[in-house]
């Protein structure tokens, strides 16, 4: 599983998503849309106007899920241990 979090400076919900992932020991890429026009375009292509946007891809790189904001249920779904998530 590959997780990308699209963020911007000073965004408290962005910090909360990244903190959650860090605390769960989940590797992720953070893309600052203020510095990455490509990242901003990806966010817009998904239909969002703001951040944080979390994008989940499977091992093959296919998009599995995405959401806007700090969505605890989605974070739990993708950070639960395999034996619990199964």
Protein backbone atom coordinates (compact mmCIF):
# COMPACT_ATOMS: atom_id res chain seq x y z
CA UNK A 1 0.00 0.00 0.00
CA UNK A 2 1.24 3.48 -0.90
CA UNK A 3 -0.17 6.56 0.82
CA UNK A 4 0.25 10.14 -0.35
CA UNK A 5 -0.93 13.10 1.69
CA UNK A 6 -1.34 16.39 -0.17
CA UNK A 7 -0.75 19.28 2.23
CA UNK A 8 0.04 22.97 2.49
CA UNK A 9 1.91 25.01 5.11
CA UNK A 10 -0.03 25.96 8.23
CA UNK A 11 -2.81 23.44 7.63
CA UNK A 12 -3.80 21.94 10.99
CA UNK A 13 -5.88 19.07 9.52
CA UNK A 14 -2.87 18.24 7.29
CA UNK A 15 -0.65 18.04 10.36
CA UNK A 16 -3.21 15.84 12.11
CA UNK A 17 -3.31 13.34 9.22
CA UNK A 18 0.49 13.17 9.05
CA UNK A 19 0.74 12.83 12.85
CA UNK A 20 -1.79 9.94 12.79
CA UNK A 21 0.20 8.10 10.12
CA UNK A 22 3.49 8.74 11.96
CA UNK A 23 2.06 7.44 15.23
CA UNK A 24 0.84 4.28 13.51
CA UNK A 25 4.23 3.76 11.88
CA UNK A 26 2.77 3.99 8.37
CA UNK A 27 5.09 5.21 5.64
CA UNK A 28 3.67 7.94 3.42
CA UNK A 29 4.71 10.63 0.98
CA UNK A 30 3.75 14.22 1.72
CA UNK A 31 3.26 16.58 -1.22
CA UNK A 32 3.11 20.31 -0.48
CA UNK A 33 0.70 21.71 -3.06
CA UNK A 34 2.10 25.22 -2.45
CA UNK A 35 5.41 24.01 -3.91
CA UNK A 36 4.20 21.35 -6.33
CA UNK A 37 2.01 22.45 -9.24
CA UNK A 38 1.74 18.77 -10.20
CA UNK A 39 0.47 17.92 -6.73
CA UNK A 40 -2.10 20.70 -6.85
CA UNK A 41 -3.26 19.45 -10.25
CA UNK A 42 -3.65 15.91 -8.85
CA UNK A 43 -5.81 17.25 -6.01
CA UNK A 44 -7.98 19.16 -8.47
CA UNK A 45 -8.21 16.16 -10.82
CA UNK A 46 -9.64 14.16 -7.90
CA UNK A 47 -12.31 16.85 -7.53
CA UNK A 48 -11.03 18.61 -4.41
CA UNK A 49 -10.40 22.30 -3.84
CA UNK A 50 -8.59 21.99 -0.52
CA UNK A 51 -6.24 19.88 1.53
CA UNK A 52 -5.48 17.57 3.16
CA UNK A 53 -6.22 14.99 0.52
CA UNK A 54 -5.12 11.45 1.24
CA UNK A 55 -4.60 9.10 -1.69
CA UNK A 56 -4.18 5.34 -1.23
CA UNK A 57 -2.71 3.10 -3.93
CA UNK A 58 -2.19 -0.65 -3.93
CA UNK A 59 1.17 -2.35 -4.48
CA UNK A 60 0.71 -2.17 -8.25
CA UNK A 61 0.07 1.59 -8.10
CA UNK A 62 -3.67 1.44 -8.79
CA UNK A 63 -5.79 3.96 -6.89
CA UNK A 64 -7.73 2.28 -4.09
CA UNK A 65 -9.26 5.23 -2.23
CA UNK A 66 -8.99 8.96 -1.59
CA UNK A 67 -10.62 11.51 0.70
CA UNK A 68 -10.47 15.12 1.79
CA UNK A 69 -9.87 16.19 5.38
CA UNK A 70 -9.13 14.32 8.56
CA UNK A 71 -11.39 11.30 8.18
CA UNK A 72 -10.70 9.08 11.16
CA UNK A 73 -12.65 6.07 9.84
CA UNK A 74 -10.62 6.04 6.62
CA UNK A 75 -7.35 6.49 8.52
CA UNK A 76 -8.26 3.57 10.78
CA UNK A 77 -9.17 1.43 7.77
CA UNK A 78 -5.75 1.85 6.18
CA UNK A 79 -3.61 1.83 9.32
CA UNK A 80 -5.10 -1.10 11.23
CA UNK A 81 -2.86 -4.14 11.63
CA UNK A 82 -3.46 -6.75 8.94
CA UNK A 83 -4.96 -9.27 11.34
CA UNK A 84 -7.48 -6.68 12.59
CA UNK A 85 -8.31 -5.29 9.14
CA UNK A 86 -8.98 -8.71 7.64
